[in-house]
Amino acid sequence: MEKPRILVVDDHQIVRDSIGHTLESSSEFHVVARADNGRVALKLTEELRPDIVLMDVSMPDMNGIEATRQIVATVPDTKVMALTMHSAKPYVMGMLNAGASGYLLKTAPFEEVVKALNVILSGATYLSPEITHMVVEFAKNREWDAVDSLSLLSAREREVLQLISEGHTSKTISAQMNISSKTVDVHRNNIKKKLNIHTIAGLTKYAITKGLTDLASVQ
């Protein structure tokens, strides 16, 4: 029987390699590839069609929330499970709203990682016990369907917003996203209008509160 195929995504090489090696050593899973950011993860998912993407959330260039949203839309047979140190509401609900099938904290023992992966492979959802109460309260308070200002932005605009908050210029954003500087400026202006935020500091603060980036990534 073929082993479930896993793509490991984390911007820290030592974490990425450690998780990949441990999964391979378990003899239950086959790690097909590793990626250091969401943009690479999206590309590899489209090419390799893994069963599960084990996704970090806070990463430079393209964060795990945006990568998950695009993976779920373009490769619906691939499941995504967050494996992250973040337990704050913007990250948890951001990943679940993006379509992740599970959310696990990096403090979890390896046995729980295996359990979570198998739960997701069965078609169910797995939540780390530490964040389950948050999701329940979120649903009870009828926040699940609330309109989030982030949903006003297109996928490209969300990508540009993350890169702006990380200190990139239009020129460097243009190179990373393979679009013209003029197009970047159009996205930048649309973001400001839609969010009614007109300063870099304001956009950066907004991106942090929405889990698009964190303070460590801000230049």
N, C-alpha and C. Protein backbone atom coordinates (compact mmCIF):
# COMPACT_ATOMS: atom_id res chain seq x y z
N MET A 1 0.85 -1.20 0.00
CA MET A 1 0.00 0.00 0.00
C MET A 1 0.88 1.25 0.00
N GLU A 2 0.53 2.18 -0.85
CA GLU A 2 1.35 3.40 -0.97
C GLU A 2 1.21 4.28 0.26
N LYS A 3 2.33 4.78 0.74
CA LYS A 3 2.32 5.67 1.90
C LYS A 3 1.73 7.03 1.53
N PRO A 4 1.04 7.67 2.48
CA PRO A 4 0.57 9.04 2.24
C PRO A 4 1.75 9.96 1.94
N ARG A 5 1.56 10.85 0.97
CA ARG A 5 2.63 11.71 0.50
C ARG A 5 2.50 13.08 1.15
N ILE A 6 3.58 13.54 1.79
CA ILE A 6 3.57 14.77 2.58
C ILE A 6 4.54 15.81 2.01
N LEU A 7 4.08 17.06 1.93
CA LEU A 7 4.95 18.19 1.62
C LEU A 7 5.13 18.99 2.90
N VAL A 8 6.38 19.19 3.31
CA VAL A 8 6.68 19.91 4.55
C VAL A 8 7.07 21.35 4.21
N VAL A 9 6.40 22.31 4.83
CA VAL A 9 6.64 23.73 4.54
C VAL A 9 6.98 24.47 5.83
N ASP A 10 8.18 25.03 5.89
CA ASP A 10 8.61 25.81 7.05
C ASP A 10 9.79 26.67 6.61
N ASP A 11 9.85 27.92 7.07
CA ASP A 11 10.92 28.80 6.61
C ASP A 11 12.22 28.59 7.37
N HIS A 12 12.22 27.76 8.40
CA HIS A 12 13.45 27.45 9.13
C HIS A 12 13.95 26.07 8.69
N GLN A 13 15.13 26.04 8.10
CA GLN A 13 15.64 24.79 7.53
C GLN A 13 15.78 23.69 8.56
N ILE A 14 16.26 24.03 9.75
CA ILE A 14 16.47 23.00 10.76
C ILE A 14 15.14 22.36 11.17
N VAL A 15 14.07 23.17 11.23
CA VAL A 15 12.74 22.65 11.56
C VAL A 15 12.21 21.81 10.41
N ARG A 16 12.36 22.35 9.21
CA ARG A 16 11.90 21.67 7.99
C ARG A 16 12.55 20.30 7.85
N ASP A 17 13.87 20.25 8.01
CA ASP A 17 14.60 19.00 7.87
C ASP A 17 14.27 18.03 9.00
N SER A 18 14.12 18.55 10.21
CA SER A 18 13.82 17.71 11.35
C SER A 18 12.46 17.04 11.20
N ILE A 19 11.45 17.82 10.82
CA ILE A 19 10.11 17.26 10.63
C ILE A 19 10.12 16.24 9.50
N GLY A 20 10.76 16.60 8.39
CA GLY A 20 10.81 15.69 7.25
C GLY A 20 11.49 14.38 7.60
N HIS A 21 12.62 14.46 8.29
CA HIS A 21 13.37 13.26 8.67
C HIS A 21 12.56 12.39 9.62
N THR A 22 11.91 13.02 10.59
CA THR A 22 11.13 12.26 11.57
C THR A 22 9.94 11.55 10.92
N LEU A 23 9.27 12.24 10.00
CA LEU A 23 8.15 11.62 9.29
C LEU A 23 8.62 10.43 8.46
N GLU A 24 9.73 10.60 7.76
CA GLU A 24 10.27 9.51 6.94
C GLU A 24 10.68 8.33 7.82
N SER A 25 11.26 8.62 8.96
CA SER A 25 11.74 7.56 9.87
C SER A 25 10.60 6.76 10.48
N SER A 26 9.42 7.34 10.52
CA SER A 26 8.27 6.66 11.11
C SER A 26 7.77 5.50 10.26
N SER A 27 8.17 5.49 8.99
CA SER A 27 7.76 4.45 8.02
C SER A 27 6.28 4.53 7.64
N GLU A 28 5.57 5.55 8.15
CA GLU A 28 4.15 5.69 7.82
C GLU A 28 3.90 6.65 6.66
N PHE A 29 4.86 7.56 6.44
CA PHE A 29 4.64 8.62 5.46
C PHE A 29 5.84 8.74 4.51
N HIS A 30 5.55 9.31 3.36
CA HIS A 30 6.61 9.60 2.38
C HIS A 30 6.66 11.10 2.16
N VAL A 31 7.76 11.74 2.52
CA VAL A 31 7.93 13.18 2.32
C VAL A 31 8.39 13.40 0.88
N VAL A 32 7.53 13.99 0.08
CA VAL A 32 7.84 14.16 -1.35
C VAL A 32 8.70 15.37 -1.62
N ALA A 33 8.62 16.38 -0.74
CA ALA A 33 9.42 17.60 -0.95
C ALA A 33 9.32 18.47 0.30
N ARG A 34 10.19 19.49 0.32
CA ARG A 34 10.18 20.49 1.38
C ARG A 34 10.18 21.87 0.73
N ALA A 35 9.56 22.84 1.39
CA ALA A 35 9.51 24.20 0.85
C ALA A 35 9.74 25.19 1.98
N ASP A 36 10.35 26.35 1.64
CA ASP A 36 10.67 27.32 2.69
C ASP A 36 9.73 28.52 2.72
N ASN A 37 8.74 28.57 1.83
CA ASN A 37 7.71 29.62 1.92
C ASN A 37 6.47 29.19 1.15
N GLY A 38 5.40 29.95 1.31
CA GLY A 38 4.14 29.57 0.71
C GLY A 38 4.13 29.58 -0.80
N ARG A 39 4.89 30.47 -1.40
CA ARG A 39 4.91 30.55 -2.88
C ARG A 39 5.52 29.27 -3.48
N VAL A 40 6.62 28.81 -2.88
CA VAL A 40 7.24 27.57 -3.33
C VAL A 40 6.32 26.39 -3.05
N ALA A 41 5.65 26.41 -1.89
CA ALA A 41 4.72 25.35 -1.52
C ALA A 41 3.59 25.22 -2.53
N LEU A 42 3.05 26.34 -2.96
CA LEU A 42 1.97 26.33 -3.96
C LEU A 42 2.45 25.70 -5.25
N LYS A 43 3.62 26.08 -5.70
CA LYS A 43 4.18 25.55 -6.94
C LYS A 43 4.40 24.03 -6.83
N LEU A 44 5.00 23.60 -5.73
CA LEU A 44 5.27 22.18 -5.54
C LEU A 44 3.99 21.36 -5.40
N THR A 45 2.99 21.94 -4.75
CA THR A 45 1.71 21.24 -4.60
C THR A 45 1.05 21.03 -5.96
N GLU A 46 1.10 22.04 -6.81
CA GLU A 46 0.53 21.91 -8.15
C GLU A 46 1.28 20.86 -8.97
N GLU A 47 2.58 20.76 -8.76
CA GLU A 47 3.39 19.81 -9.52
C GLU A 47 3.30 18.38 -8.98
N LEU A 48 3.35 18.23 -7.65
CA LEU A 48 3.49 16.91 -7.04
C LEU A 48 2.19 16.31 -6.51
N ARG A 49 1.19 17.15 -6.27
CA ARG A 49 -0.11 16.68 -5.77
C ARG A 49 0.02 15.79 -4.52
N PRO A 50 0.65 16.30 -3.45
CA PRO A 50 0.78 15.50 -2.22
C PRO A 50 -0.59 15.29 -1.58
N ASP A 51 -0.67 14.31 -0.68
CA ASP A 51 -1.92 14.08 0.05
C ASP A 51 -2.16 15.17 1.08
N ILE A 52 -1.07 15.57 1.76
CA ILE A 52 -1.18 16.60 2.80
C ILE A 52 0.00 17.56 2.69
N VAL A 53 -0.28 18.84 2.87
CA VAL A 53 0.76 19.85 3.03
C VAL A 53 0.81 20.21 4.51
N LEU A 54 1.95 19.97 5.13
CA LEU A 54 2.16 20.32 6.54
C LEU A 54 2.73 21.74 6.54
N MET A 55 1.90 22.70 6.90
CA MET A 55 2.16 24.11 6.60
C MET A 55 2.46 24.96 7.83
N ASP A 56 3.62 25.62 7.83
CA ASP A 56 3.87 26.67 8.81
C ASP A 56 2.98 27.86 8.45
N VAL A 57 2.72 28.74 9.39
CA VAL A 57 1.81 29.85 9.14
C VAL A 57 2.55 31.14 8.82
N SER A 58 3.45 31.53 9.68
CA SER A 58 4.16 32.80 9.51
C SER A 58 5.45 32.58 8.74
N MET A 59 5.45 33.01 7.47
CA MET A 59 6.63 32.86 6.61
C MET A 59 6.76 34.10 5.72
N PRO A 60 7.98 34.46 5.33
CA PRO A 60 8.17 35.60 4.43
C PRO A 60 7.73 35.26 3.01
N ASP A 61 7.57 36.30 2.21
CA ASP A 61 7.20 36.20 0.79
C ASP A 61 5.74 35.83 0.60
N MET A 62 5.32 34.61 0.99
CA MET A 62 3.90 34.27 1.03
C MET A 62 3.65 33.45 2.29
N ASN A 63 2.75 33.94 3.13
CA ASN A 63 2.47 33.28 4.41
C ASN A 63 1.62 32.03 4.21
N GLY A 64 1.51 31.23 5.26
CA GLY A 64 0.78 29.98 5.18
C GLY A 64 -0.70 30.13 4.96
N ILE A 65 -1.29 31.23 5.44
CA ILE A 65 -2.73 31.45 5.25
C ILE A 65 -3.04 31.65 3.77
N GLU A 66 -2.29 32.52 3.11
CA GLU A 66 -2.53 32.77 1.69
C GLU A 66 -2.20 31.54 0.86
N ALA A 67 -1.12 30.85 1.20
CA ALA A 67 -0.76 29.63 0.47
C ALA A 67 -1.85 28.58 0.60
N THR A 68 -2.39 28.44 1.81
CA THR A 68 -3.48 27.47 2.03
C THR A 68 -4.69 27.82 1.19
N ARG A 69 -5.06 29.09 1.20
CA ARG A 69 -6.22 29.53 0.42
C ARG A 69 -6.06 29.18 -1.06
N GLN A 70 -4.87 29.41 -1.59
CA GLN A 70 -4.65 29.15 -3.01
C GLN A 70 -4.52 27.65 -3.32
N ILE A 71 -3.93 26.90 -2.40
CA ILE A 71 -3.81 25.45 -2.59
C ILE A 71 -5.19 24.80 -2.59
N VAL A 72 -6.01 25.16 -1.62
CA VAL A 72 -7.36 24.59 -1.53
C VAL A 72 -8.17 24.91 -2.79
N ALA A 73 -7.95 26.10 -3.35
CA ALA A 73 -8.69 26.50 -4.54
C ALA A 73 -8.20 25.79 -5.81
N THR A 74 -6.89 25.55 -5.89
CA THR A 74 -6.32 25.01 -7.13
C THR A 74 -6.07 23.51 -7.10
N VAL A 75 -5.84 22.96 -5.91
CA VAL A 75 -5.59 21.51 -5.78
C VAL A 75 -6.47 20.98 -4.65
N PRO A 76 -7.78 20.91 -4.87
CA PRO A 76 -8.72 20.58 -3.79
C PRO A 76 -8.55 19.20 -3.17
N ASP A 77 -7.90 18.27 -3.88
CA ASP A 77 -7.69 16.94 -3.31
C ASP A 77 -6.58 16.91 -2.28
N THR A 78 -5.76 17.94 -2.24
CA THR A 78 -4.68 18.02 -1.25
C THR A 78 -5.19 18.69 0.02
N LYS A 79 -4.96 18.07 1.16
CA LYS A 79 -5.34 18.65 2.44
C LYS A 79 -4.19 19.47 3.01
N VAL A 80 -4.51 20.46 3.81
CA VAL A 80 -3.49 21.29 4.46
C VAL A 80 -3.67 21.20 5.97
N MET A 81 -2.57 20.96 6.67
CA MET A 81 -2.59 21.03 8.13
C MET A 81 -1.55 22.03 8.61
N ALA A 82 -1.98 22.97 9.42
CA ALA A 82 -1.05 23.94 10.00
C ALA A 82 -0.24 23.28 11.10
N LEU A 83 1.07 23.52 11.08
CA LEU A 83 1.95 23.12 12.18
C LEU A 83 2.78 24.35 12.51
N THR A 84 2.45 24.98 13.63
CA THR A 84 2.98 26.31 13.90
C THR A 84 3.15 26.56 15.39
N MET A 85 3.91 27.61 15.72
CA MET A 85 4.06 28.00 17.12
C MET A 85 2.96 28.98 17.52
N HIS A 86 2.18 29.48 16.55
CA HIS A 86 1.19 30.53 16.83
C HIS A 86 -0.15 29.96 17.29
N SER A 87 -0.63 30.43 18.43
CA SER A 87 -1.94 30.02 18.92
C SER A 87 -2.91 31.19 19.00
N ALA A 88 -2.51 32.37 18.50
CA ALA A 88 -3.37 33.55 18.55
C ALA A 88 -4.50 33.43 17.53
N LYS A 89 -5.61 34.06 17.85
CA LYS A 89 -6.83 33.97 17.05
C LYS A 89 -6.65 34.32 15.57
N PRO A 90 -5.93 35.39 15.21
CA PRO A 90 -5.80 35.73 13.78
C PRO A 90 -5.18 34.60 12.96
N TYR A 91 -4.22 33.90 13.55
CA TYR A 91 -3.57 32.81 12.83
C TYR A 91 -4.48 31.58 12.74
N VAL A 92 -5.07 31.22 13.87
CA VAL A 92 -5.94 30.03 13.91
C VAL A 92 -7.12 30.20 12.96
N MET A 93 -7.86 31.28 13.13
CA MET A 93 -9.06 31.47 12.31
C MET A 93 -8.69 31.79 10.87
N GLY A 94 -7.54 32.43 10.67
CA GLY A 94 -7.08 32.71 9.32
C GLY A 94 -6.84 31.42 8.55
N MET A 95 -6.18 30.45 9.19
CA MET A 95 -5.90 29.18 8.54
C MET A 95 -7.18 28.37 8.31
N LEU A 96 -8.04 28.32 9.30
CA LEU A 96 -9.28 27.54 9.16
C LEU A 96 -10.20 28.16 8.11
N ASN A 97 -10.31 29.47 8.11
CA ASN A 97 -11.13 30.14 7.09
C ASN A 97 -10.54 29.97 5.69
N ALA A 98 -9.22 29.80 5.61
CA ALA A 98 -8.57 29.60 4.32
C ALA A 98 -8.79 28.19 3.78
N GLY A 99 -9.23 27.28 4.67
CA GLY A 99 -9.54 25.93 4.21
C GLY A 99 -8.68 24.83 4.79
N ALA A 100 -7.85 25.14 5.79
CA ALA A 100 -7.00 24.11 6.41
C ALA A 100 -7.88 23.05 7.08
N SER A 101 -7.43 21.81 7.01
CA SER A 101 -8.17 20.69 7.61
C SER A 101 -7.72 20.40 9.03
N GLY A 102 -6.69 21.09 9.48
CA GLY A 102 -6.21 20.87 10.83
C GLY A 102 -5.29 21.97 11.29
N TYR A 103 -5.13 22.07 12.60
CA TYR A 103 -4.26 23.10 13.19
C TYR A 103 -3.59 22.50 14.40
N LEU A 104 -2.27 22.40 14.34
CA LEU A 104 -1.50 21.76 15.41
C LEU A 104 -0.35 22.67 15.81
N LEU A 105 -0.08 22.73 17.11
CA LEU A 105 1.02 23.55 17.61
C LEU A 105 2.31 22.75 17.60
N LYS A 106 3.44 23.44 17.42
CA LYS A 106 4.73 22.77 17.34
C LYS A 106 5.17 22.18 18.67
N THR A 107 4.47 22.51 19.75
CA THR A 107 4.78 21.92 21.05
C THR A 107 4.23 20.50 21.15
N ALA A 108 3.43 20.08 20.18
CA ALA A 108 2.82 18.75 20.22
C ALA A 108 3.88 17.66 20.07
N PRO A 109 3.73 16.55 20.78
CA PRO A 109 4.66 15.42 20.59
C PRO A 109 4.46 14.82 19.21
N PHE A 110 5.48 14.10 18.73
CA PHE A 110 5.40 13.54 17.38
C PHE A 110 4.21 12.58 17.22
N GLU A 111 3.86 11.86 18.28
CA GLU A 111 2.73 10.94 18.22
C GLU A 111 1.43 11.67 17.88
N GLU A 112 1.31 12.90 18.37
CA GLU A 112 0.11 13.67 18.06
C GLU A 112 0.12 14.15 16.61
N VAL A 113 1.31 14.47 16.09
CA VAL A 113 1.42 14.85 14.69
C VAL A 113 0.93 13.71 13.79
N VAL A 114 1.38 12.50 14.10
CA VAL A 114 0.97 11.31 13.34
C VAL A 114 -0.54 11.12 13.44
N LYS A 115 -1.08 11.25 14.65
CA LYS A 115 -2.52 11.11 14.86
C LYS A 115 -3.28 12.14 14.04
N ALA A 116 -2.81 13.40 14.08
CA ALA A 116 -3.48 14.47 13.34
C ALA A 116 -3.47 14.22 11.84
N LEU A 117 -2.34 13.78 11.32
CA LEU A 117 -2.24 13.49 9.88
C LEU A 117 -3.20 12.38 9.48
N ASN A 118 -3.30 11.35 10.31
CA ASN A 118 -4.21 10.24 9.99
C ASN A 118 -5.67 10.65 10.09
N VAL A 119 -5.99 11.53 11.04
CA VAL A 119 -7.36 12.05 11.15
C VAL A 119 -7.73 12.82 9.89
N ILE A 120 -6.82 13.65 9.43
CA ILE A 120 -7.06 14.45 8.23
C ILE A 120 -7.18 13.56 6.99
N LEU A 121 -6.35 12.53 6.92
CA LEU A 121 -6.42 11.60 5.79
C LEU A 121 -7.75 10.86 5.75
N SER A 122 -8.39 10.70 6.92
CA SER A 122 -9.69 10.03 6.98
C SER A 122 -10.83 10.94 6.54
N GLY A 123 -10.51 12.23 6.35
CA GLY A 123 -11.53 13.17 5.91
C GLY A 123 -12.08 14.04 7.01
N ALA A 124 -11.58 13.86 8.23
CA ALA A 124 -12.05 14.67 9.36
C ALA A 124 -11.10 15.85 9.60
N THR A 125 -11.44 16.67 10.58
CA THR A 125 -10.63 17.84 10.95
C THR A 125 -9.96 17.58 12.29
N TYR A 126 -8.71 18.04 12.43
CA TYR A 126 -8.01 17.88 13.69
C TYR A 126 -7.58 19.25 14.22
N LEU A 127 -7.90 19.50 15.49
CA LEU A 127 -7.50 20.75 16.14
C LEU A 127 -6.69 20.44 17.38
N SER A 128 -5.60 21.15 17.56
CA SER A 128 -4.80 21.02 18.77
C SER A 128 -5.69 21.33 19.98
N PRO A 129 -5.63 20.53 21.03
CA PRO A 129 -6.47 20.77 22.21
C PRO A 129 -6.35 22.19 22.76
N GLU A 130 -5.17 22.79 22.61
CA GLU A 130 -4.95 24.14 23.16
C GLU A 130 -5.78 25.21 22.47
N ILE A 131 -6.23 24.95 21.25
CA ILE A 131 -6.97 26.00 20.53
C ILE A 131 -8.43 25.62 20.25
N THR A 132 -8.84 24.42 20.66
CA THR A 132 -10.21 23.98 20.38
C THR A 132 -11.25 24.91 20.98
N HIS A 133 -11.01 25.35 22.23
CA HIS A 133 -11.97 26.23 22.90
C HIS A 133 -12.17 27.52 22.13
N MET A 134 -11.09 28.02 21.51
CA MET A 134 -11.16 29.27 20.75
C MET A 134 -12.10 29.12 19.56
N VAL A 135 -11.98 28.01 18.87
CA VAL A 135 -12.81 27.77 17.69
C VAL A 135 -14.27 27.61 18.10
N VAL A 136 -14.51 26.91 19.21
CA VAL A 136 -15.87 26.72 19.70
C VAL A 136 -16.50 28.06 20.06
N GLU A 137 -15.77 28.91 20.78
CA GLU A 137 -16.29 30.22 21.16
C GLU A 137 -16.54 31.09 19.93
N PHE A 138 -15.64 30.99 18.97
CA PHE A 138 -15.78 31.76 17.73
C PHE A 138 -17.09 31.40 17.04
N ALA A 139 -17.39 30.10 16.97
CA ALA A 139 -18.61 29.63 16.33
C ALA A 139 -19.85 30.02 17.15
N LYS A 140 -19.76 29.87 18.48
CA LYS A 140 -20.90 30.19 19.35
C LYS A 140 -21.28 31.65 19.25
N ASN A 141 -20.30 32.50 19.09
CA ASN A 141 -20.56 33.94 19.01
C ASN A 141 -20.93 34.39 17.61
N ARG A 142 -21.14 33.43 16.71
CA ARG A 142 -21.58 33.70 15.33
C ARG A 142 -20.61 34.58 14.57
N GLU A 143 -19.34 34.47 14.91
CA GLU A 143 -18.32 35.25 14.21
C GLU A 143 -17.88 34.57 12.93
N TRP A 144 -18.18 33.27 12.79
CA TRP A 144 -17.64 32.49 11.68
C TRP A 144 -17.95 33.11 10.32
N ASP A 145 -19.18 33.60 10.19
CA ASP A 145 -19.59 34.14 8.89
C ASP A 145 -19.44 35.65 8.80
N ALA A 146 -18.84 36.24 9.80
CA ALA A 146 -18.68 37.69 9.79
C ALA A 146 -17.79 38.12 8.62
N VAL A 147 -18.13 39.23 8.02
CA VAL A 147 -17.34 39.74 6.90
C VAL A 147 -16.04 40.32 7.45
N ASP A 148 -14.94 39.83 6.97
CA ASP A 148 -13.62 40.29 7.38
C ASP A 148 -13.11 41.24 6.31
N SER A 149 -12.54 42.35 6.73
CA SER A 149 -12.05 43.33 5.75
C SER A 149 -10.99 42.72 4.84
N LEU A 150 -10.30 41.68 5.32
CA LEU A 150 -9.28 41.04 4.50
C LEU A 150 -9.90 40.39 3.26
N SER A 151 -11.17 39.98 3.36
CA SER A 151 -11.83 39.35 2.23
C SER A 151 -12.13 40.34 1.11
N LEU A 152 -11.98 41.63 1.40
CA LEU A 152 -12.17 42.64 0.36
C LEU A 152 -11.02 42.64 -0.64
N LEU A 153 -9.88 42.07 -0.23
CA LEU A 153 -8.70 42.08 -1.07
C LEU A 153 -8.63 40.82 -1.94
N SER A 154 -8.10 40.98 -3.15
CA SER A 154 -7.89 39.84 -4.02
C SER A 154 -6.66 39.07 -3.54
N ALA A 155 -6.44 37.88 -4.10
CA ALA A 155 -5.27 37.08 -3.72
C ALA A 155 -3.98 37.86 -3.98
N ARG A 156 -3.90 38.51 -5.14
CA ARG A 156 -2.70 39.29 -5.48
C ARG A 156 -2.51 40.44 -4.49
N GLU A 157 -3.60 41.09 -4.12
CA GLU A 157 -3.51 42.22 -3.19
C GLU A 157 -3.06 41.76 -1.81
N ARG A 158 -3.51 40.59 -1.39
CA ARG A 158 -3.04 40.07 -0.10
C ARG A 158 -1.55 39.76 -0.14
N GLU A 159 -1.08 39.23 -1.25
CA GLU A 159 0.35 38.95 -1.40
C GLU A 159 1.16 40.25 -1.36
N VAL A 160 0.69 41.25 -2.08
CA VAL A 160 1.38 42.55 -2.11
C VAL A 160 1.38 43.17 -0.72
N LEU A 161 0.26 43.08 -0.01
CA LEU A 161 0.17 43.64 1.34
C LEU A 161 1.20 43.00 2.26
N GLN A 162 1.35 41.69 2.20
CA GLN A 162 2.36 41.04 3.03
C GLN A 162 3.75 41.56 2.71
N LEU A 163 4.07 41.65 1.43
CA LEU A 163 5.41 42.09 1.03
C LEU A 163 5.65 43.56 1.41
N ILE A 164 4.63 44.40 1.29
CA ILE A 164 4.75 45.80 1.72
C ILE A 164 5.08 45.84 3.22
N SER A 165 4.34 45.05 4.00
CA SER A 165 4.54 45.07 5.45
C SER A 165 5.92 44.54 5.85
N GLU A 166 6.53 43.75 4.97
CA GLU A 166 7.86 43.22 5.25
C GLU A 166 8.96 44.16 4.76
N GLY A 167 8.56 45.33 4.25
CA GLY A 167 9.53 46.36 3.90
C GLY A 167 10.00 46.35 2.47
N HIS A 168 9.36 45.60 1.60
CA HIS A 168 9.78 45.53 0.21
C HIS A 168 9.29 46.74 -0.59
N THR A 169 10.09 47.16 -1.54
CA THR A 169 9.71 48.25 -2.44
C THR A 169 8.91 47.68 -3.61
N SER A 170 8.33 48.58 -4.41
CA SER A 170 7.60 48.13 -5.59
C SER A 170 8.50 47.34 -6.52
N LYS A 171 9.76 47.76 -6.61
CA LYS A 171 10.71 47.08 -7.50
C LYS A 171 10.97 45.64 -7.05
N THR A 172 11.21 45.45 -5.74
CA THR A 172 11.49 44.10 -5.26
C THR A 172 10.23 43.22 -5.27
N ILE A 173 9.08 43.83 -5.00
CA ILE A 173 7.81 43.08 -5.08
C ILE A 173 7.57 42.64 -6.52
N SER A 174 7.86 43.54 -7.45
CA SER A 174 7.72 43.23 -8.88
C SER A 174 8.55 42.01 -9.25
N ALA A 175 9.78 41.96 -8.77
CA ALA A 175 10.68 40.84 -9.10
C ALA A 175 10.20 39.54 -8.46
N GLN A 176 9.76 39.59 -7.21
CA GLN A 176 9.34 38.39 -6.51
C GLN A 176 8.05 37.81 -7.07
N MET A 177 7.12 38.69 -7.48
CA MET A 177 5.83 38.22 -7.96
C MET A 177 5.77 38.11 -9.48
N ASN A 178 6.87 38.51 -10.15
CA ASN A 178 6.93 38.44 -11.60
C ASN A 178 5.82 39.25 -12.28
N ILE A 179 5.63 40.46 -11.76
CA ILE A 179 4.68 41.40 -12.36
C ILE A 179 5.39 42.75 -12.48
N SER A 180 4.81 43.67 -13.23
CA SER A 180 5.47 44.96 -13.43
C SER A 180 5.34 45.84 -12.18
N SER A 181 6.25 46.79 -12.05
CA SER A 181 6.18 47.74 -10.93
C SER A 181 4.90 48.55 -11.00
N LYS A 182 4.46 48.85 -12.22
CA LYS A 182 3.21 49.61 -12.39
C LYS A 182 2.03 48.82 -11.83
N THR A 183 2.02 47.51 -12.08
CA THR A 183 0.94 46.67 -11.55
C THR A 183 1.00 46.61 -10.04
N VAL A 184 2.21 46.56 -9.48
CA VAL A 184 2.36 46.58 -8.02
C VAL A 184 1.77 47.85 -7.45
N ASP A 185 2.04 48.98 -8.10
CA ASP A 185 1.52 50.26 -7.61
C ASP A 185 -0.01 50.31 -7.69
N VAL A 186 -0.57 49.69 -8.72
CA VAL A 186 -2.03 49.62 -8.83
C VAL A 186 -2.59 48.82 -7.66
N HIS A 187 -1.97 47.67 -7.38
CA HIS A 187 -2.41 46.86 -6.23
C HIS A 187 -2.27 47.64 -4.93
N ARG A 188 -1.15 48.34 -4.78
CA ARG A 188 -0.89 49.11 -3.57
C ARG A 188 -2.00 50.15 -3.35
N ASN A 189 -2.36 50.87 -4.40
CA ASN A 189 -3.40 51.89 -4.30
C ASN A 189 -4.77 51.28 -4.00
N ASN A 190 -5.04 50.12 -4.63
CA ASN A 190 -6.32 49.44 -4.37
C ASN A 190 -6.41 48.98 -2.92
N ILE A 191 -5.30 48.49 -2.38
CA ILE A 191 -5.27 48.04 -0.99
C ILE A 191 -5.59 49.21 -0.05
N LYS A 192 -4.94 50.34 -0.29
CA LYS A 192 -5.16 51.52 0.55
C LYS A 192 -6.62 51.97 0.51
N LYS A 193 -7.21 51.96 -0.68
CA LYS A 193 -8.60 52.39 -0.83
C LYS A 193 -9.57 51.42 -0.15
N LYS A 194 -9.37 50.14 -0.40
CA LYS A 194 -10.29 49.13 0.15
C LYS A 194 -10.25 49.08 1.67
N LEU A 195 -9.05 49.22 2.24
CA LEU A 195 -8.90 49.13 3.69
C LEU A 195 -9.01 50.50 4.37
N ASN A 196 -8.97 51.55 3.57
CA ASN A 196 -8.97 52.92 4.08
C ASN A 196 -7.79 53.13 5.04
N ILE A 197 -6.65 52.60 4.64
CA ILE A 197 -5.41 52.76 5.39
C ILE A 197 -4.38 53.32 4.40
N HIS A 198 -3.79 54.46 4.73
CA HIS A 198 -3.00 55.16 3.72
C HIS A 198 -1.53 55.36 4.07
N THR A 199 -1.06 54.69 5.13
CA THR A 199 0.36 54.78 5.48
C THR A 199 0.98 53.39 5.54
N ILE A 200 2.28 53.31 5.33
CA ILE A 200 2.98 52.03 5.41
C ILE A 200 2.87 51.48 6.83
N ALA A 201 3.02 52.36 7.82
CA ALA A 201 2.92 51.92 9.21
C ALA A 201 1.55 51.32 9.50
N GLY A 202 0.52 51.96 8.98
CA GLY A 202 -0.84 51.47 9.17
C GLY A 202 -1.07 50.13 8.50
N LEU A 203 -0.56 49.99 7.28
CA LEU A 203 -0.69 48.73 6.55
C LEU A 203 0.07 47.61 7.25
N THR A 204 1.25 47.95 7.78
CA THR A 204 2.06 46.96 8.48
C THR A 204 1.35 46.48 9.74
N LYS A 205 0.80 47.41 10.51
CA LYS A 205 0.06 47.05 11.72
C LYS A 205 -1.13 46.16 11.38
N TYR A 206 -1.84 46.51 10.30
CA TYR A 206 -2.99 45.73 9.87
C TYR A 206 -2.56 44.31 9.50
N ALA A 207 -1.48 44.19 8.74
CA ALA A 207 -1.00 42.88 8.30
C ALA A 207 -0.63 42.00 9.49
N ILE A 208 -0.04 42.60 10.51
CA ILE A 208 0.34 41.85 11.71
C ILE A 208 -0.91 41.37 12.45
N THR A 209 -1.90 42.25 12.61
CA THR A 209 -3.12 41.86 13.34
C THR A 209 -3.91 40.79 12.60
N LYS A 210 -3.76 40.71 11.28
CA LYS A 210 -4.49 39.71 10.50
C LYS A 210 -3.68 38.43 10.29
N GLY A 211 -2.48 38.37 10.85
CA GLY A 211 -1.68 37.16 10.74
C GLY A 211 -0.98 36.98 9.41
N LEU A 212 -0.94 38.05 8.59
CA LEU A 212 -0.25 37.95 7.30
C LEU A 212 1.26 37.94 7.47
N THR A 213 1.71 38.53 8.54
CA THR A 213 3.14 38.56 8.84
C THR A 213 3.29 38.72 10.35
N ASP A 214 4.52 38.70 10.83
CA ASP A 214 4.74 38.94 12.25
C ASP A 214 5.88 39.93 12.42
N LEU A 215 6.10 40.34 13.67
CA LEU A 215 7.11 41.36 13.93
C LEU A 215 8.50 40.94 13.49
N ALA A 216 8.77 39.63 13.55
CA ALA A 216 10.10 39.14 13.18
C ALA A 216 10.38 39.33 11.70
N SER A 217 9.32 39.40 10.88
CA SER A 217 9.49 39.52 9.42
C SER A 217 9.52 40.97 8.97
N VAL A 218 9.10 41.88 9.83
CA VAL A 218 9.04 43.29 9.47
C VAL A 218 10.44 43.88 9.49
N GLN A 219 10.86 44.48 8.37
CA GLN A 219 12.20 45.05 8.25
C GLN A 219 12.24 46.45 8.84
